[in-house]
Protein backbone atom coordinates (compact mmCIF):
# COMPACT_ATOMS: atom_id res chain seq x y z
CA MET A 1 92.33 92.57 101.13
CA ALA A 2 94.92 90.43 99.42
CA LYS A 3 97.94 92.08 97.86
CA GLU A 4 100.21 90.76 95.16
CA ILE A 5 103.99 90.92 95.36
CA ARG A 6 106.60 89.86 92.88
CA ILE A 7 109.90 88.42 94.06
CA GLU A 8 112.80 86.85 92.25
CA VAL A 9 114.38 83.64 93.48
CA ASP A 10 117.18 81.56 92.06
CA ASP A 11 116.46 78.45 90.00
CA GLU A 12 117.26 76.07 92.85
CA THR A 13 114.83 77.82 95.20
CA PHE A 14 112.09 77.86 92.57
CA GLU A 15 112.54 74.17 91.84
CA GLU A 16 112.33 73.40 95.56
CA LEU A 17 109.12 75.45 95.82
CA GLN A 18 107.68 73.54 92.88
CA ARG A 19 108.58 70.17 94.44
CA ARG A 20 107.12 71.06 97.80
CA ALA A 21 103.98 72.52 96.25
CA ALA A 22 103.51 69.35 94.22
CA ASP A 23 103.97 67.25 97.37
CA ASP A 24 101.16 69.25 98.97
CA ARG A 25 99.10 69.13 95.73
CA GLU A 26 99.07 72.91 95.64
CA ASP A 27 99.81 75.59 93.07
CA THR A 28 103.37 76.91 93.43
CA ASP A 29 102.19 80.51 93.98
CA GLN A 30 99.67 79.44 96.62
CA TYR A 31 102.28 77.30 98.36
CA ALA A 32 104.80 80.15 98.43
CA SER A 33 102.14 82.53 99.76
CA ARG A 34 101.12 80.10 102.49
CA ARG A 35 104.73 79.50 103.53
CA LEU A 36 105.52 83.22 103.60
CA THR A 37 102.44 83.92 105.70
CA ALA A 38 103.30 81.09 108.12
CA ASP A 39 106.91 82.27 108.39
CA LEU A 40 105.83 85.82 109.20
CA ALA A 41 103.36 84.54 111.82
CA ARG A 42 106.13 82.44 113.39
CA THR A 43 108.47 85.44 113.42
CA ARG A 44 105.82 87.61 115.11
CA PHE A 45 105.23 84.88 117.71
CA LEU A 46 108.95 84.52 118.46
CA GLU A 47 109.40 88.28 118.73
CA GLY A 48 106.46 88.42 121.14
CA ALA A 49 107.89 85.57 123.20
CA LYS A 50 111.27 87.31 123.34
CA ALA A 51 109.63 90.56 124.48
CA PHE A 52 107.70 88.65 127.17
CA VAL A 53 110.87 86.99 128.45
CA GLU A 54 112.74 90.28 128.49
CA GLU A 55 109.95 91.99 130.41
CA HIS A 56 108.68 89.21 132.68
CA GLY A 57 111.28 86.44 132.56
CA GLN A 58 112.94 87.07 135.90
CA ALA A 59 109.66 87.40 137.81
CA PHE A 60 108.42 84.20 136.15
CA ALA A 61 111.63 82.36 137.08
CA ASP A 62 111.44 83.68 140.65
CA ARG A 63 107.86 82.43 141.00
CA PHE A 64 108.04 79.11 139.11
CA GLY A 65 111.73 78.25 138.91
CA THR A 66 113.70 77.37 135.84
CA GLY A 67 114.41 74.22 133.90
CA PRO A 68 112.98 70.73 134.15
CA SER A 69 113.90 70.38 137.84
CA SER A 70 111.57 73.21 138.90
CA HIS A 71 108.37 72.34 140.71
CA ALA A 72 106.01 74.42 138.61
CA ALA A 73 102.38 73.41 139.00
C-alpha cells in the first residue's frame, strides 16, 4: 500500500527536481518518489554487501584471493 509523505526542500533542490523530472518526462512528485525509492534500495544493498564482507570477507579472500591479480575462476 502506498503511503504519502510531505518533505520540505530548499528552492535550489526543488528546481533541480523539476529539471530532472522534465528531462525524464515525468511528474516532479513521481520523479522524487522514484529517486527516493531507488536511493533506499541502493542503501539497503550497500548495507547488505558491507555485512557480507564483515562476516565472510576473510574466508572469501582466503579462497579466491584479492584484487585483480588473483586467479579467481
